[in-house]
Amino acid sequence: MDFKFEKNRIYLENEKGECIAEVTFPQISQNEVNINHTYVDRSLRGQGVADKLVKELAVFLRKNNKKAISTCAYAVDWFENHPEFNDVCK
């Protein structure tokens, strides 16, 4: 998947340039973000896209020495099921 990165957002576009999946993570402080939203278009559901998005974010956070809190229910569940990323989630 060819995820795109912009400040506080990782997303996927279709061939028309429309957002079809995203995870958003606004900055709380210099080294902390809030994972507050995960979205996957119906056309992609059941294909593990949300899992790939949040994993991409977790790797990004680790690489950039940032921590996250999650207020998005999907992200909360994802981190509970991926203890190998406990170092980036509060």
C-alpha atoms as a PDB file:
ATOM      1  CA  MET A   1       0.000   0.000   0.000  1.00  0.00           C
ATOM      2  CA  ASP A   2       1.214   3.431  -0.871  1.00  0.00           C
ATOM      3  CA  PHE A   3       0.415   5.389   2.268  1.00  0.00           C
ATOM      4  CA  LYS A   4       0.860   9.140   2.189  1.00  0.00           C
ATOM      5  CA  PHE A   5       2.125  11.141   5.109  1.00  0.00           C
ATOM      6  CA  GLU A   6       1.266  14.662   6.100  1.00  0.00           C
ATOM      7  CA  LYS A   7       1.451  16.397   9.435  1.00  0.00           C
ATOM      8  CA  ASN A   8      -0.541  14.365  11.991  1.00  0.00           C
ATOM      9  CA  ARG A   9      -2.078  12.115   9.337  1.00  0.00           C
ATOM     10  CA  ILE A  10      -1.313   8.961   7.375  1.00  0.00           C
ATOM     11  CA  TYR A  11      -3.725   8.176   4.561  1.00  0.00           C
ATOM     12  CA  LEU A  12      -4.455   6.302   1.364  1.00  0.00           C
ATOM     13  CA  GLU A  13      -6.033   7.763  -1.780  1.00  0.00           C
ATOM     14  CA  ASN A  14      -7.830   6.117  -4.660  1.00  0.00           C
ATOM     15  CA  GLU A  15      -7.004   6.829  -8.296  1.00  0.00           C
ATOM     16  CA  LYS A  16      -9.257   9.922  -8.177  1.00  0.00           C
ATOM     17  CA  GLY A  17      -7.258  11.418  -5.292  1.00  0.00           C
ATOM     18  CA  GLU A  18     -10.048  10.786  -2.768  1.00  0.00           C
ATOM     19  CA  CYS A  19      -9.168   9.694   0.760  1.00  0.00           C
ATOM     20  CA  ILE A  20     -10.191   6.060   1.225  1.00  0.00           C
ATOM     21  CA  ALA A  21      -8.387   5.327   4.499  1.00  0.00           C
ATOM     22  CA  GLU A  22      -6.690   7.391   7.197  1.00  0.00           C
ATOM     23  CA  VAL A  23      -5.449   7.596  10.729  1.00  0.00           C
ATOM     24  CA  THR A  24      -5.130  11.004  12.394  1.00  0.00           C
ATOM     25  CA  PHE A  25      -2.970  11.873  15.366  1.00  0.00           C
ATOM     26  CA  PRO A  26      -2.952  15.520  16.479  1.00  0.00           C
ATOM     27  CA  GLN A  27       0.008  16.688  18.500  1.00  0.00           C
ATOM     28  CA  ILE A  28      -0.558  17.053  22.256  1.00  0.00           C
ATOM     29  CA  SER A  29       2.964  18.137  23.163  1.00  0.00           C
ATOM     30  CA  GLN A  30       6.372  18.111  21.537  1.00  0.00           C
ATOM     31  CA  ASN A  31       6.746  14.335  21.909  1.00  0.00           C
ATOM     32  CA  GLU A  32       3.173  13.139  22.310  1.00  0.00           C
ATOM     33  CA  VAL A  33       0.214  12.645  19.958  1.00  0.00           C
ATOM     34  CA  ASN A  34      -3.405  11.573  20.336  1.00  0.00           C
ATOM     35  CA  ILE A  35      -4.514   8.845  17.933  1.00  0.00           C
ATOM     36  CA  ASN A  36      -8.069  10.088  17.622  1.00  0.00           C
ATOM     37  CA  HIS A  37      -9.483   8.713  14.367  1.00  0.00           C
ATOM     38  CA  THR A  38      -9.181   5.733  12.041  1.00  0.00           C
ATOM     39  CA  TYR A  39     -11.240   5.496   8.863  1.00  0.00           C
ATOM     40  CA  VAL A  40     -11.426   2.884   6.114  1.00  0.00           C
ATOM     41  CA  ASP A  41     -13.803   3.153   3.161  1.00  0.00           C
ATOM     42  CA  ARG A  42     -16.347   0.347   2.780  1.00  0.00           C
ATOM     43  CA  SER A  43     -14.646  -0.798  -0.426  1.00  0.00           C
ATOM     44  CA  LEU A  44     -11.536  -1.720   1.585  1.00  0.00           C
ATOM     45  CA  ARG A  45     -13.060  -3.136   4.761  1.00  0.00           C
ATOM     46  CA  GLY A  46     -12.106  -6.648   5.743  1.00  0.00           C
ATOM     47  CA  GLN A  47      -8.713  -6.374   4.017  1.00  0.00           C
ATOM     48  CA  GLY A  48      -6.625  -5.391   7.036  1.00  0.00           C
ATOM     49  CA  VAL A  49      -6.175  -1.791   5.928  1.00  0.00           C
ATOM     50  CA  ALA A  50      -6.831  -0.257   9.360  1.00  0.00           C
ATOM     51  CA  ASP A  51      -4.321  -2.689  10.876  1.00  0.00           C
ATOM     52  CA  LYS A  52      -1.702  -1.626   8.323  1.00  0.00           C
ATOM     53  CA  LEU A  53      -2.419   2.069   8.916  1.00  0.00           C
ATOM     54  CA  VAL A  54      -2.016   1.865  12.685  1.00  0.00           C
ATOM     55  CA  LYS A  55       1.094  -0.299  12.367  1.00  0.00           C
ATOM     56  CA  GLU A  56       2.580   2.261   9.967  1.00  0.00           C
ATOM     57  CA  LEU A  57       1.833   4.943  12.560  1.00  0.00           C
ATOM     58  CA  ALA A  58       3.358   2.894  15.404  1.00  0.00           C
ATOM     59  CA  VAL A  59       6.566   2.422  13.409  1.00  0.00           C
ATOM     60  CA  PHE A  60       6.599   6.155  12.587  1.00  0.00           C
ATOM     61  CA  LEU A  61       6.162   7.059  16.263  1.00  0.00           C
ATOM     62  CA  ARG A  62       8.961   4.733  17.325  1.00  0.00           C
ATOM     63  CA  LYS A  63      11.305   6.072  14.657  1.00  0.00           C
ATOM     64  CA  ASN A  64      10.585   9.651  15.747  1.00  0.00           C
ATOM     65  CA  ASN A  65      10.781   8.994  19.518  1.00  0.00           C
ATOM     66  CA  LYS A  66       7.155   9.972  20.081  1.00  0.00           C
ATOM     67  CA  LYS A  67       4.517   8.534  22.380  1.00  0.00           C
ATOM     68  CA  ALA A  68       0.803   8.238  21.790  1.00  0.00           C
ATOM     69  CA  ILE A  69      -2.386   8.078  23.728  1.00  0.00           C
ATOM     70  CA  SER A  70      -5.361   6.627  21.908  1.00  0.00           C
ATOM     71  CA  THR A  71      -8.876   7.968  22.049  1.00  0.00           C
ATOM     72  CA  CYS A  72      -9.864   6.096  18.889  1.00  0.00           C
ATOM     73  CA  ALA A  73     -11.473   2.772  19.866  1.00  0.00           C
ATOM     74  CA  TYR A  74      -9.796   0.911  17.010  1.00  0.00           C
ATOM     75  CA  ALA A  75      -6.341   2.175  18.010  1.00  0.00           C
ATOM     76  CA  VAL A  76      -6.953   1.285  21.676  1.00  0.00           C
ATOM     77  CA  ASP A  77      -7.804  -2.300  20.666  1.00  0.00           C
ATOM     78  CA  TRP A  78      -4.924  -2.473  18.199  1.00  0.00           C
ATOM     79  CA  PHE A  79      -2.313  -1.521  20.798  1.00  0.00           C
ATOM     80  CA  GLU A  80      -3.814  -3.979  23.296  1.00  0.00           C
ATOM     81  CA  ASN A  81      -3.332  -6.722  20.688  1.00  0.00           C
ATOM     82  CA  HIS A  82       0.189  -5.622  19.680  1.00  0.00           C
ATOM     83  CA  PRO A  83       2.259  -5.471  22.873  1.00  0.00           C
ATOM     84  CA  GLU A  84       5.425  -5.256  20.775  1.00  0.00           C
ATOM     85  CA  PHE A  85       4.520  -1.564  20.376  1.00  0.00           C
ATOM     86  CA  ASN A  86       3.931  -0.830  24.082  1.00  0.00           C
ATOM     87  CA  ASP A  87       6.974   1.453  23.982  1.00  0.00           C
ATOM     88  CA  VAL A  88       5.098   4.005  21.854  1.00  0.00           C
ATOM     89  CA  CYS A  89       1.673   3.859  23.515  1.00  0.00           C
ATOM     90  CA  LYS A  90       0.856   5.288  26.926  1.00  0.00           C
END
